[in-house]
Structure formats: C-alpha cells, structure tokens
C-alpha atoms as a PDB file:
ATOM      1  CA  MET A   1      53.747-234.575-119.669  1.00  0.00           C
ATOM      2  CA  THR A   2      52.487-236.471-122.629  1.00  0.00           C
ATOM      3  CA  GLY A   3      54.037-239.325-124.476  1.00  0.00           C
ATOM      4  CA  THR A   4      55.547-238.894-127.949  1.00  0.00           C
ATOM      5  CA  GLY A   5      54.882-242.402-129.178  1.00  0.00           C
ATOM      6  CA  THR A   6      58.599-243.216-129.140  1.00  0.00           C
ATOM      7  CA  GLY A   7      58.801-244.133-125.506  1.00  0.00           C
ATOM      8  CA  VAL A   8      60.444-240.795-124.751  1.00  0.00           C
ATOM      9  CA  PRO A   9      58.227-238.407-122.786  1.00  0.00           C
ATOM     10  CA  ALA A  10      57.494-234.992-124.234  1.00  0.00           C
ATOM     11  CA  LYS A  11      58.389-231.976-122.195  1.00  0.00           C
ATOM     12  CA  ASP A  12      55.426-229.617-122.008  1.00  0.00           C
ATOM     13  CA  GLY A  13      54.273-230.578-125.502  1.00  0.00           C
ATOM     14  CA  LYS A  14      57.427-229.235-127.174  1.00  0.00           C
ATOM     15  CA  GLY A  15      58.487-232.526-128.739  1.00  0.00           C
ATOM     16  CA  PRO A  16      60.560-235.447-127.567  1.00  0.00           C
ATOM     17  CA  LYS A  17      63.086-234.941-124.837  1.00  0.00           C
ATOM     18  CA  ARG A  18      66.630-235.492-126.075  1.00  0.00           C
ATOM     19  CA  PRO A  19      68.393-237.705-123.504  1.00  0.00           C
ATOM     20  CA  PHE A  20      71.885-237.031-124.859  1.00  0.00           C
ATOM     21  CA  LEU A  21      71.455-233.268-124.499  1.00  0.00           C
ATOM     22  CA  ALA A  22      70.039-233.724-121.014  1.00  0.00           C
ATOM     23  CA  TRP A  23      73.050-235.876-120.119  1.00  0.00           C
ATOM     24  CA  ILE A  24      75.496-233.378-121.613  1.00  0.00           C
ATOM     25  CA  ALA A  25      73.855-230.543-119.634  1.00  0.00           C
ATOM     26  CA  GLY A  26      74.171-232.750-116.553  1.00  0.00           C
ATOM     27  CA  VAL A  27      77.954-232.863-117.045  1.00  0.00           C
ATOM     28  CA  SER A  28      78.058-229.079-116.843  1.00  0.00           C
ATOM     29  CA  THR A  29      75.833-229.125-113.752  1.00  0.00           C
ATOM     30  CA  LEU A  30      78.067-231.750-112.120  1.00  0.00           C
ATOM     31  CA  LEU A  31      81.138-229.596-112.731  1.00  0.00           C
ATOM     32  CA  ASP A  32      79.280-226.584-111.307  1.00  0.00           C
ATOM     33  CA  TRP A  33      78.518-228.497-108.110  1.00  0.00           C
ATOM     34  CA  SER A  34      82.051-229.873-107.850  1.00  0.00           C
ATOM     35  CA  GLY A  35      83.395-226.326-108.133  1.00  0.00           C
ATOM     36  CA  ARG A  36      81.000-225.190-105.399  1.00  0.00           C
ATOM     37  CA  LEU A  37      82.078-228.021-103.128  1.00  0.00           C
ATOM     38  CA  ILE A  38      85.785-227.394-103.697  1.00  0.00           C
ATOM     39  CA  ALA A  39      85.498-223.619-103.298  1.00  0.00           C
ATOM     40  CA  ALA A  40      83.361-223.831-100.157  1.00  0.00           C
ATOM     41  CA  THR A  41      85.611-226.453 -98.563  1.00  0.00           C
ATOM     42  CA  CYS A  42      88.784-224.495 -99.304  1.00  0.00           C
ATOM     43  CA  LEU A  43      87.246-221.264 -98.031  1.00  0.00           C
ATOM     44  CA  LEU A  44      86.040-222.955 -94.857  1.00  0.00           C
ATOM     45  CA  PHE A  45      89.420-224.523 -94.060  1.00  0.00           C
ATOM     46  CA  ILE A  46      91.306-221.301 -94.780  1.00  0.00           C
ATOM     47  CA  PHE A  47      88.933-219.286 -92.611  1.00  0.00           C
ATOM     48  CA  VAL A  48      88.959-221.740 -89.698  1.00  0.00           C
ATOM     49  CA  ALA A  49      92.750-222.161 -89.728  1.00  0.00           C
ATOM     50  CA  LEU A  50      93.393-218.423 -89.789  1.00  0.00           C
ATOM     51  CA  LEU A  51      90.705-217.720 -87.178  1.00  0.00           C
ATOM     52  CA  VAL A  52      92.087-220.359 -84.806  1.00  0.00           C
ATOM     53  CA  ASN A  53      95.583-218.969 -85.359  1.00  0.00           C
ATOM     54  CA  VAL A  54      94.468-215.402 -84.547  1.00  0.00           C
ATOM     55  CA  VAL A  55      92.593-216.522 -81.420  1.00  0.00           C
ATOM     56  CA  LEU A  56      95.568-218.549 -80.196  1.00  0.00           C
ATOM     57  CA  ARG A  57      97.980-215.719 -80.935  1.00  0.00           C
ATOM     58  CA  TYR A  58      95.959-213.174 -78.976  1.00  0.00           C
ATOM     59  CA  ALA A  59      94.960-215.544 -76.173  1.00  0.00           C
ATOM     60  CA  PHE A  60      98.298-217.298 -75.625  1.00  0.00           C
ATOM     61  CA  GLY A  61     100.856-215.107 -77.368  1.00  0.00           C
ATOM     62  CA  SER A  62     101.726-217.657 -80.037  1.00  0.00           C
ATOM     63  CA  GLY A  63      99.754-219.228 -82.844  1.00  0.00           C
ATOM     64  CA  ILE A  64     100.135-222.336 -84.923  1.00  0.00           C
ATOM     65  CA  ALA A  65     102.951-222.173 -87.459  1.00  0.00           C
ATOM     66  CA  TRP A  66     101.261-224.291 -90.106  1.00  0.00           C
ATOM     67  CA  ALA A  67      98.253-221.933 -90.331  1.00  0.00           C
ATOM     68  CA  TYR A  68     100.232-219.716 -92.702  1.00  0.00           C
ATOM     69  CA  GLU A  69     100.759-222.583 -95.142  1.00  0.00           C
ATOM     70  CA  ILE A  70      97.058-223.452 -95.399  1.00  0.00           C
ATOM     71  CA  PRO A  71      96.222-220.500 -97.706  1.00  0.00           C
ATOM     72  CA  ALA A  72      99.217-221.328 -99.916  1.00  0.00           C
ATOM     73  CA  LEU A  73      97.877-224.844-100.249  1.00  0.00           C
ATOM     74  CA  LEU A  74      94.142-224.136-100.569  1.00  0.00           C
ATOM     75  CA  LEU A  75      93.863-220.724-102.256  1.00  0.00           C
ATOM     76  CA  PRO A  76      94.633-222.182-105.716  1.00  0.00           C
ATOM     77  CA  GLY A  77      91.818-224.691-105.157  1.00  0.00           C
ATOM     78  CA  LEU A  78      89.458-221.882-104.183  1.00  0.00           C
ATOM     79  CA  VAL A  79      90.312-219.986-107.369  1.00  0.00           C
ATOM     80  CA  ALA A  80      90.028-223.135-109.514  1.00  0.00           C
ATOM     81  CA  GLY A  81      86.612-223.901-108.044  1.00  0.00           C
ATOM     82  CA  GLY A  82      85.484-220.360-108.870  1.00  0.00           C
ATOM     83  CA  VAL A  83      86.785-220.634-112.434  1.00  0.00           C
ATOM     84  CA  VAL A  84      84.889-223.878-113.012  1.00  0.00           C
ATOM     85  CA  ILE A  85      81.707-222.453-111.464  1.00  0.00           C
ATOM     86  CA  ALA A  86      81.890-219.358-113.687  1.00  0.00           C
ATOM     87  CA  ALA A  87      82.548-221.424-116.816  1.00  0.00           C
ATOM     88  CA  ALA A  88      79.750-223.894-116.046  1.00  0.00           C
ATOM     89  CA  ARG A  89      77.260-221.079-115.500  1.00  0.00           C
ATOM     90  CA  GLY A  90      78.453-219.020-118.456  1.00  0.00           C
ATOM     91  CA  ARG A  91      79.290-216.150-116.146  1.00  0.00           C
ATOM     92  CA  ASN A  92      82.901-215.701-117.059  1.00  0.00           C
ATOM     93  CA  ASN A  93      83.916-212.375-118.564  1.00  0.00           C
ATOM     94  CA  ALA A  94      82.707-211.944-122.109  1.00  0.00           C
ATOM     95  CA  ILE A  95      82.391-209.153-124.609  1.00  0.00           C
ATOM     96  CA  THR A  96      79.206-209.793-126.566  1.00  0.00           C
ATOM     97  CA  LEU A  97      79.230-206.819-128.945  1.00  0.00           C
ATOM     98  CA  LEU A  98      79.956-208.877-132.080  1.00  0.00           C
ATOM     99  CA  PRO A  99      77.527-211.728-131.292  1.00  0.00           C
ATOM    100  CA  ASP A 100      74.808-209.198-130.435  1.00  0.00           C
ATOM    101  CA  LEU A 101      75.136-207.735-133.936  1.00  0.00           C
ATOM    102  CA  LEU A 102      74.831-211.109-135.687  1.00  0.00           C
ATOM    103  CA  PRO A 103      71.783-213.214-136.570  1.00  0.00           C
ATOM    104  CA  PRO A 104      71.161-216.422-134.573  1.00  0.00           C
ATOM    105  CA  ARG A 105      73.203-218.637-136.930  1.00  0.00           C
ATOM    106  CA  GLY A 106      76.143-216.233-136.675  1.00  0.00           C
ATOM    107  CA  ARG A 107      75.941-216.369-132.878  1.00  0.00           C
ATOM    108  CA  GLN A 108      76.085-220.148-133.014  1.00  0.00           C
ATOM    109  CA  VAL A 109      79.184-220.023-135.232  1.00  0.00           C
ATOM    110  CA  ILE A 110      80.865-217.519-132.874  1.00  0.00           C
ATOM    111  CA  ALA A 111      79.944-219.681-129.871  1.00  0.00           C
ATOM    112  CA  VAL A 112      81.494-222.757-131.478  1.00  0.00           C
ATOM    113  CA  LEU A 113      84.655-220.862-132.460  1.00  0.00           C
ATOM    114  CA  VAL A 114      85.074-219.311-129.014  1.00  0.00           C
ATOM    115  CA  ASN A 115      84.616-222.664-127.306  1.00  0.00           C
ATOM    116  CA  ILE A 116      87.069-224.332-129.682  1.00  0.00           C
ATOM    117  CA  ALA A 117      89.600-221.634-128.731  1.00  0.00           C
ATOM    118  CA  ILE A 118      88.898-222.249-125.020  1.00  0.00           C
ATOM    119  CA  LEU A 119      89.320-225.984-125.554  1.00  0.00           C
ATOM    120  CA  VAL A 120      92.625-225.576-127.395  1.00  0.00           C
ATOM    121  CA  ILE A 121      93.999-223.133-124.804  1.00  0.00           C
ATOM    122  CA  SER A 122      92.911-225.338-121.889  1.00  0.00           C
ATOM    123  CA  LEU A 123      94.506-228.413-123.404  1.00  0.00           C
ATOM    124  CA  ALA A 124      97.688-226.457-124.197  1.00  0.00           C
ATOM    125  CA  VAL A 125      97.928-225.256-120.589  1.00  0.00           C
ATOM    126  CA  LEU A 126      97.410-228.807-119.322  1.00  0.00           C
ATOM    127  CA  GLU A 127     100.125-230.074-121.647  1.00  0.00           C
ATOM    128  CA  SER A 128     102.627-227.288-120.889  1.00  0.00           C
ATOM    129  CA  SER A 129     102.095-227.558-117.132  1.00  0.00           C
ATOM    130  CA  GLN A 130     103.351-231.154-116.953  1.00  0.00           C
ATOM    131  CA  PRO A 131     106.967-230.198-116.044  1.00  0.00           C
ATOM    132  CA  ILE A 132     105.691-227.972-113.221  1.00  0.00           C
ATOM    133  CA  LEU A 133     103.464-230.755-111.920  1.00  0.00           C
ATOM    134  CA  ARG A 134     106.323-233.267-112.021  1.00  0.00           C
ATOM    135  CA  ALA A 135     108.586-230.858-110.113  1.00  0.00           C
ATOM    136  CA  ALA A 136     105.862-230.135-107.541  1.00  0.00           C
ATOM    137  CA  LYS A 137     105.927-233.799-106.514  1.00  0.00           C
ATOM    138  CA  PHE A 138     109.295-233.120-104.903  1.00  0.00           C
ATOM    139  CA  GLN A 139     108.479-229.759-103.265  1.00  0.00           C
ATOM    140  CA  THR A 140     107.249-229.954 -99.692  1.00  0.00           C
ATOM    141  CA  LEU A 141     105.669-227.308 -97.478  1.00  0.00           C
ATOM    142  CA  SER A 142     108.122-226.761 -94.629  1.00  0.00           C
ATOM    143  CA  THR A 143     105.779-226.925 -91.626  1.00  0.00           C
ATOM    144  CA  LEU A 144     102.977-229.182 -92.817  1.00  0.00           C
ATOM    145  CA  GLY A 145     105.208-231.548 -94.769  1.00  0.00           C
ATOM    146  CA  ILE A 146     102.592-231.811 -97.525  1.00  0.00           C
ATOM    147  CA  LYS A 147     103.744-232.083-101.127  1.00  0.00           C
ATOM    148  CA  GLN A 148     102.981-229.001-103.206  1.00  0.00           C
ATOM    149  CA  ILE A 149     101.448-231.151-105.921  1.00  0.00           C
ATOM    150  CA  TRP A 150      98.169-230.819-103.998  1.00  0.00           C
ATOM    151  CA  GLY A 151      98.142-227.064-104.598  1.00  0.00           C
ATOM    152  CA  TYR A 152      99.135-227.467-108.235  1.00  0.00           C
ATOM    153  CA  ALA A 153      96.418-230.078-108.763  1.00  0.00           C
ATOM    154  CA  SER A 154      93.974-227.185-108.865  1.00  0.00           C
ATOM    155  CA  LEU A 155      95.565-226.175-112.168  1.00  0.00           C
ATOM    156  CA  VAL A 156      94.594-229.532-113.648  1.00  0.00           C
ATOM    157  CA  TYR A 157      91.079-229.312-112.182  1.00  0.00           C
ATOM    158  CA  ALA A 158      90.454-225.786-113.483  1.00  0.00           C
ATOM    159  CA  PHE A 159      91.713-226.285-117.021  1.00  0.00           C
ATOM    160  CA  ALA A 160      90.338-229.809-117.422  1.00  0.00           C
ATOM    161  CA  GLY A 161      86.986-228.529-116.163  1.00  0.00           C
ATOM    162  CA  MET A 162      87.082-225.622-118.618  1.00  0.00           C
ATOM    163  CA  ALA A 163      87.957-228.012-121.457  1.00  0.00           C
ATOM    164  CA  ILE A 164      85.047-230.315-120.618  1.00  0.00           C
ATOM    165  CA  ILE A 165      82.649-227.379-120.339  1.00  0.00           C
ATOM    166  CA  ALA A 166      83.898-226.066-123.702  1.00  0.00           C
ATOM    167  CA  VAL A 167      83.114-229.442-125.301  1.00  0.00           C
ATOM    168  CA  VAL A 168      79.659-229.407-123.670  1.00  0.00           C
ATOM    169  CA  ASP A 169      79.042-225.875-124.951  1.00  0.00           C
ATOM    170  CA  ILE A 170      80.199-226.837-128.468  1.00  0.00           C
ATOM    171  CA  VAL A 171      77.763-229.770-128.520  1.00  0.00           C
ATOM    172  CA  ARG A 172      74.962-227.588-127.191  1.00  0.00           C
ATOM    173  CA  ALA A 173      75.666-224.839-129.734  1.00  0.00           C
ATOM    174  CA  LEU A 174      75.777-227.298-132.632  1.00  0.00           C
ATOM    175  CA  THR A 175      72.556-229.058-131.619  1.00  0.00           C
ATOM    176  CA  SER A 176      70.595-225.965-130.630  1.00  0.00           C
ATOM    177  CA  LYS A 177      67.879-224.910-133.036  1.00  0.00           C
ATOM    178  CA  ALA A 178      66.849-221.992-130.863  1.00  0.00           C
ATOM    179  CA  ASP A 179      68.258-218.490-130.987  1.00  0.00           C
ATOM    180  CA  PHE A 180      71.649-218.860-129.326  1.00  0.00           C
ATOM    181  CA  ASP A 181      72.190-215.882-127.056  1.00  0.00           C
ATOM    182  CA  PHE A 182      75.395-216.808-125.197  1.00  0.00           C
ATOM    183  CA  GLY A 183      73.246-217.136-122.084  1.00  0.00           C
ATOM    184  CA  TYR A 184      73.619-213.416-121.576  1.00  0.00           C
ATOM    185  CA  ASP A 185      70.893-211.472-119.860  1.00  0.00           C
ATOM    186  CA  PRO A 186      72.201-208.196-118.436  1.00  0.00           C
ATOM    187  CA  GLU A 187      69.485-208.040-115.782  1.00  0.00           C
ATOM    188  CA  THR A 188      70.303-211.443-114.305  1.00  0.00           C
ATOM    189  CA  SER A 189      73.954-211.918-115.278  1.00  0.00           C
ATOM    190  CA  SER A 190      75.507-208.826-113.765  1.00  0.00           C
ATOM    191  CA  LEU A 191      77.425-209.605-110.618  1.00  0.00           C
ATOM    192  CA  SER A 192      78.288-205.970-109.860  1.00  0.00           C
END
C-alpha cells in the first residue's frame, strides 16, 4: 500500500480508500454475520430439542412435551436469519433480464429503484405488523410459557435488516463509478 498524500492509504494504487463506503459495506457484513449466528443457533436448538425428544420417546416411551413448541418458536428466526443472509450477500431471487440489456448507468438506476421499492415494502411491513406484535405480547406457548412475541420478533429482524441492506445498496449504487452488475455471476451465484 502506498500513501495518497491525504493521510488515507491507497488500496493497490487505485486511489484513496473511501472510509464511508468501507463502513457502509461493513454494515452489510455485520448483518450477514448476525443472520448466520441467528440461523445457526435456531437450527442447533431445534435439532437438539427434537433429537433429545426422539431418543427419550424411543428409550423411555415418552418424550418431552415442550420439544414440539421449540420449532414454532425458533423456525421464524431461522427463516429470518436466512432472509437477511441472502439479502446481505445479494443472493436473493432476482430476474436480471432487463438490467443485463441496459448500459452501466441504466443498471445503476434500476438498482436504486429496486432497492427503494425494497425499502418502502420493508418499512410498510414493519408498520403494518405493529398490531400483530402488540397482540403477540399476550399470547403464550402452552407448555413452555414463553410469550409468542419472541417468535414474531423475527419479523422485525428480517424486515428491518432488509431495509438497512436496501439503504446500504442504494448508497453503494449511487457512489459506484464502476460497471454495476447487480453482483450477479451465474457461475458463482447459482445455489442449485
């Protein structure tokens, strides 16, 4: 690395590093890791609870009653973690026919418009879900005695995470001078 004369190190001779863009990319990375942590934790607890229940049921003839409520509580968190991971990595479902036909500036405009739509939808879902969240404070799982708000909290996490990632992607699209390609590479992006 060489210096740029401004106190900001150059990255491989390509000009000054932009700390704001690095920070904004870090927000997306942080959300990716939080989604991984939430998804892995939920999956682990669901698996262990159901495995212990099956072993107890076959070994002793009866299992643990609360094991059936664990998936109801944690499966929404698992899904929310996956949604945030996919959004942070740009691996959510997308049809790129129109952007592929456009020049780089057109792709940037489409990227901004799509992310504005995602932001508006995410915020609308967060706003419209408030009555459900308030009601969930009073619903309790029968065996565990845990309030159902903990399951519904995944709704807030998923859509707030998608809204934040949409803002990050809008900033990145508006500040990018490179050819914006929606992060799509069929050889590395296909999960099939």
